[in-house]
């Protein structure tokens, strides 16, 4: 605001409040990064979590597409 620059913050939520993340995802995503080998090992130990992981991945892709659309709309919006 001080520099009179337009700014918009947008947040996408992938999981619902009642969702429980698969244990394999929690174990593989420490420190803000996803360790794929740890994730694969976790799914191999608990293959029943694969369905939850696939659902989470679908919602992530939808959220990412929504954010991309918002970003593109913002880039093409007329400047005041």
N, C-alpha and C. Protein backbone atom coordinates (compact mmCIF):
# COMPACT_ATOMS: atom_id res chain seq x y z
N UNK A 1 0.83 -1.18 0.00
CA UNK A 1 0.00 0.00 0.00
C UNK A 1 0.88 1.25 0.00
N UNK A 2 1.93 1.23 0.78
CA UNK A 2 2.81 2.40 0.86
C UNK A 2 3.41 2.77 -0.49
N UNK A 3 3.65 1.77 -1.32
CA UNK A 3 4.24 2.02 -2.65
C UNK A 3 3.19 2.09 -3.74
N UNK A 4 1.93 2.07 -3.35
CA UNK A 4 0.80 2.16 -4.27
C UNK A 4 0.85 1.10 -5.37
N UNK A 5 1.16 -0.11 -4.95
CA UNK A 5 1.21 -1.24 -5.87
C UNK A 5 0.01 -2.14 -5.61
N UNK A 6 -0.68 -2.58 -6.66
CA UNK A 6 -1.80 -3.50 -6.45
C UNK A 6 -1.29 -4.84 -5.93
N UNK A 7 -2.05 -5.44 -5.06
CA UNK A 7 -1.63 -6.69 -4.46
C UNK A 7 -2.87 -7.54 -4.17
N UNK A 8 -2.75 -8.82 -4.40
CA UNK A 8 -3.84 -9.74 -4.13
C UNK A 8 -3.24 -11.01 -3.53
N UNK A 9 -3.75 -11.46 -2.43
CA UNK A 9 -3.33 -12.72 -1.82
C UNK A 9 -4.46 -13.73 -1.98
N UNK A 10 -4.11 -14.91 -2.46
CA UNK A 10 -5.10 -15.97 -2.67
C UNK A 10 -4.56 -17.24 -2.03
N UNK A 11 -5.44 -17.95 -1.37
CA UNK A 11 -5.04 -19.19 -0.72
C UNK A 11 -5.96 -20.31 -1.17
N UNK A 12 -5.38 -21.44 -1.48
CA UNK A 12 -6.17 -22.62 -1.86
C UNK A 12 -6.00 -23.68 -0.79
N UNK A 13 -7.10 -24.20 -0.32
CA UNK A 13 -7.09 -25.25 0.69
C UNK A 13 -7.39 -26.57 -0.01
N UNK A 14 -6.52 -27.53 0.16
CA UNK A 14 -6.67 -28.80 -0.53
C UNK A 14 -7.43 -29.82 0.31
N UNK A 15 -7.18 -29.85 1.60
CA UNK A 15 -7.85 -30.83 2.45
C UNK A 15 -8.92 -30.15 3.30
N UNK A 16 -9.98 -30.87 3.57
CA UNK A 16 -11.07 -30.36 4.40
C UNK A 16 -10.71 -30.50 5.87
N UNK A 17 -11.40 -29.78 6.72
CA UNK A 17 -11.10 -29.79 8.15
C UNK A 17 -11.20 -31.19 8.74
N UNK A 18 -12.12 -31.98 8.25
CA UNK A 18 -12.32 -33.32 8.78
C UNK A 18 -11.42 -34.38 8.18
N UNK A 19 -10.66 -34.03 7.16
CA UNK A 19 -9.78 -34.99 6.51
C UNK A 19 -8.60 -35.35 7.40
N UNK A 20 -8.19 -36.58 7.30
CA UNK A 20 -6.96 -37.02 7.95
C UNK A 20 -5.98 -37.34 6.84
N UNK A 21 -4.83 -36.69 6.87
CA UNK A 21 -3.83 -36.96 5.84
C UNK A 21 -3.29 -38.37 6.01
N UNK A 22 -3.03 -39.07 4.91
CA UNK A 22 -2.43 -40.40 5.02
C UNK A 22 -1.10 -40.30 5.78
N UNK A 23 -0.87 -41.28 6.64
CA UNK A 23 0.37 -41.28 7.43
C UNK A 23 1.61 -41.22 6.56
N UNK A 24 1.54 -41.83 5.38
CA UNK A 24 2.69 -41.82 4.48
C UNK A 24 3.01 -40.40 4.02
N UNK A 25 1.98 -39.58 3.81
CA UNK A 25 2.18 -38.19 3.39
C UNK A 25 2.79 -37.38 4.53
N UNK A 26 2.27 -37.56 5.73
CA UNK A 26 2.79 -36.82 6.88
C UNK A 26 4.26 -37.17 7.11
N UNK A 27 4.58 -38.45 7.04
CA UNK A 27 5.96 -38.88 7.27
C UNK A 27 6.91 -38.39 6.17
N UNK A 28 6.40 -38.25 4.95
CA UNK A 28 7.26 -37.88 3.82
C UNK A 28 7.37 -36.37 3.62
N UNK A 29 6.59 -35.59 4.36
CA UNK A 29 6.58 -34.15 4.07
C UNK A 29 7.09 -33.31 5.24
N UNK A 30 8.09 -33.75 5.88
CA UNK A 30 8.68 -32.98 6.97
C UNK A 30 9.57 -31.88 6.40
N UNK A 31 9.56 -30.74 7.04
CA UNK A 31 10.44 -29.65 6.63
C UNK A 31 10.01 -28.92 5.38
N UNK A 32 8.76 -29.07 4.97
CA UNK A 32 8.26 -28.33 3.82
C UNK A 32 8.57 -28.93 2.47
N UNK A 33 9.19 -30.08 2.45
CA UNK A 33 9.47 -30.75 1.17
C UNK A 33 8.86 -32.16 1.22
N UNK A 34 8.61 -32.70 0.05
CA UNK A 34 8.05 -34.04 -0.04
C UNK A 34 9.15 -34.99 -0.51
N UNK A 35 9.45 -35.96 0.32
CA UNK A 35 10.47 -36.97 -0.04
C UNK A 35 9.74 -38.15 -0.69
N UNK A 36 9.92 -38.27 -1.99
CA UNK A 36 9.15 -39.27 -2.75
C UNK A 36 9.46 -40.70 -2.35
N UNK A 37 10.71 -41.01 -2.06
CA UNK A 37 11.04 -42.38 -1.66
C UNK A 37 10.39 -42.73 -0.32
N UNK A 38 10.35 -41.79 0.60
CA UNK A 38 9.69 -42.02 1.88
C UNK A 38 8.20 -42.21 1.67
N UNK A 39 7.61 -41.42 0.78
CA UNK A 39 6.19 -41.56 0.47
C UNK A 39 5.91 -42.94 -0.13
N UNK A 40 6.71 -43.36 -1.10
CA UNK A 40 6.51 -44.66 -1.74
C UNK A 40 6.66 -45.79 -0.72
N UNK A 41 7.63 -45.68 0.17
CA UNK A 41 7.81 -46.71 1.19
C UNK A 41 6.61 -46.75 2.14
N UNK A 42 6.08 -45.58 2.50
CA UNK A 42 4.92 -45.52 3.37
C UNK A 42 3.69 -46.15 2.74
N UNK A 43 3.50 -45.90 1.46
CA UNK A 43 2.36 -46.50 0.74
C UNK A 43 2.57 -48.01 0.60
N UNK A 44 3.81 -48.44 0.40
CA UNK A 44 4.08 -49.88 0.30
C UNK A 44 3.76 -50.57 1.63
N UNK A 45 4.01 -49.88 2.75
CA UNK A 45 3.72 -50.47 4.06
C UNK A 45 2.22 -50.42 4.39
N UNK A 46 1.52 -49.45 3.83
CA UNK A 46 0.08 -49.29 4.11
C UNK A 46 -0.66 -48.99 2.81
N UNK A 47 -0.80 -49.99 1.94
CA UNK A 47 -1.42 -49.75 0.63
C UNK A 47 -2.87 -49.26 0.72
N UNK A 48 -3.54 -49.46 1.83
CA UNK A 48 -4.91 -48.98 1.98
C UNK A 48 -4.98 -47.46 1.95
N UNK A 49 -3.86 -46.78 2.20
CA UNK A 49 -3.82 -45.31 2.17
C UNK A 49 -3.75 -44.75 0.76
N UNK A 50 -3.54 -45.60 -0.22
CA UNK A 50 -3.40 -45.14 -1.60
C UNK A 50 -4.63 -44.39 -2.09
N UNK A 51 -5.81 -44.86 -1.74
CA UNK A 51 -7.05 -44.18 -2.15
C UNK A 51 -7.12 -42.76 -1.62
N UNK A 52 -6.76 -42.58 -0.35
CA UNK A 52 -6.76 -41.23 0.24
C UNK A 52 -5.72 -40.35 -0.45
N UNK A 53 -4.58 -40.92 -0.77
CA UNK A 53 -3.53 -40.17 -1.45
C UNK A 53 -3.97 -39.73 -2.84
N UNK A 54 -4.66 -40.60 -3.55
CA UNK A 54 -5.15 -40.26 -4.89
C UNK A 54 -6.19 -39.14 -4.79
N UNK A 55 -7.09 -39.22 -3.82
CA UNK A 55 -8.08 -38.15 -3.64
C UNK A 55 -7.42 -36.82 -3.31
N UNK A 56 -6.41 -36.86 -2.47
CA UNK A 56 -5.66 -35.65 -2.12
C UNK A 56 -4.97 -35.07 -3.36
N UNK A 57 -4.40 -35.93 -4.17
CA UNK A 57 -3.73 -35.48 -5.40
C UNK A 57 -4.72 -34.84 -6.37
N UNK A 58 -5.91 -35.39 -6.48
CA UNK A 58 -6.94 -34.80 -7.36
C UNK A 58 -7.34 -33.40 -6.88
N UNK A 59 -7.55 -33.28 -5.57
CA UNK A 59 -7.92 -31.97 -5.03
C UNK A 59 -6.77 -30.97 -5.17
N UNK A 60 -5.53 -31.44 -5.04
CA UNK A 60 -4.37 -30.57 -5.23
C UNK A 60 -4.33 -30.05 -6.67
N UNK A 61 -4.54 -30.94 -7.64
CA UNK A 61 -4.53 -30.51 -9.04
C UNK A 61 -5.64 -29.50 -9.32
N UNK A 62 -6.82 -29.72 -8.75
CA UNK A 62 -7.93 -28.77 -8.93
C UNK A 62 -7.59 -27.42 -8.31
N UNK A 63 -7.00 -27.43 -7.12
CA UNK A 63 -6.62 -26.17 -6.46
C UNK A 63 -5.53 -25.45 -7.26
N UNK A 64 -4.59 -26.20 -7.76
CA UNK A 64 -3.51 -25.61 -8.56
C UNK A 64 -4.06 -24.98 -9.83
N UNK A 65 -5.01 -25.64 -10.48
CA UNK A 65 -5.63 -25.10 -11.69
C UNK A 65 -6.40 -23.83 -11.37
N UNK A 66 -7.09 -23.82 -10.24
CA UNK A 66 -7.84 -22.62 -9.84
C UNK A 66 -6.89 -21.45 -9.58
N UNK A 67 -5.80 -21.71 -8.89
CA UNK A 67 -4.83 -20.65 -8.62
C UNK A 67 -4.20 -20.13 -9.92
N UNK A 68 -3.92 -21.03 -10.85
CA UNK A 68 -3.35 -20.61 -12.13
C UNK A 68 -4.34 -19.73 -12.89
N UNK A 69 -5.62 -20.10 -12.87
CA UNK A 69 -6.63 -19.29 -13.56
C UNK A 69 -6.74 -17.91 -12.93
N UNK A 70 -6.68 -17.85 -11.60
CA UNK A 70 -6.74 -16.56 -10.92
C UNK A 70 -5.52 -15.71 -11.27
N UNK A 71 -4.36 -16.34 -11.30
CA UNK A 71 -3.13 -15.61 -11.64
C UNK A 71 -3.20 -15.07 -13.07
N UNK A 72 -3.67 -15.89 -14.00
CA UNK A 72 -3.78 -15.43 -15.39
C UNK A 72 -4.79 -14.30 -15.52
N UNK A 73 -5.90 -14.42 -14.80
CA UNK A 73 -6.91 -13.36 -14.85
C UNK A 73 -6.34 -12.06 -14.28
N UNK A 74 -5.55 -12.18 -13.24
CA UNK A 74 -4.94 -10.98 -12.64
C UNK A 74 -3.92 -10.34 -13.55
N UNK A 75 -3.18 -11.16 -14.31
CA UNK A 75 -2.19 -10.63 -15.23
C UNK A 75 -2.83 -9.90 -16.40
N UNK A 76 -4.03 -10.36 -16.79
CA UNK A 76 -4.68 -9.74 -17.94
C UNK A 76 -5.67 -8.66 -17.55
N UNK A 77 -5.84 -8.43 -16.25
CA UNK A 77 -6.78 -7.40 -15.80
C UNK A 77 -6.23 -6.01 -16.14
N UNK A 78 -7.12 -5.10 -16.49
CA UNK A 78 -6.66 -3.74 -16.79
C UNK A 78 -6.07 -3.08 -15.56
N UNK A 79 -5.01 -2.34 -15.75
CA UNK A 79 -4.34 -1.63 -14.65
C UNK A 79 -5.03 -0.30 -14.40
N UNK A 80 -5.22 0.05 -13.15
CA UNK A 80 -5.86 1.31 -12.81
C UNK A 80 -4.86 2.45 -12.83
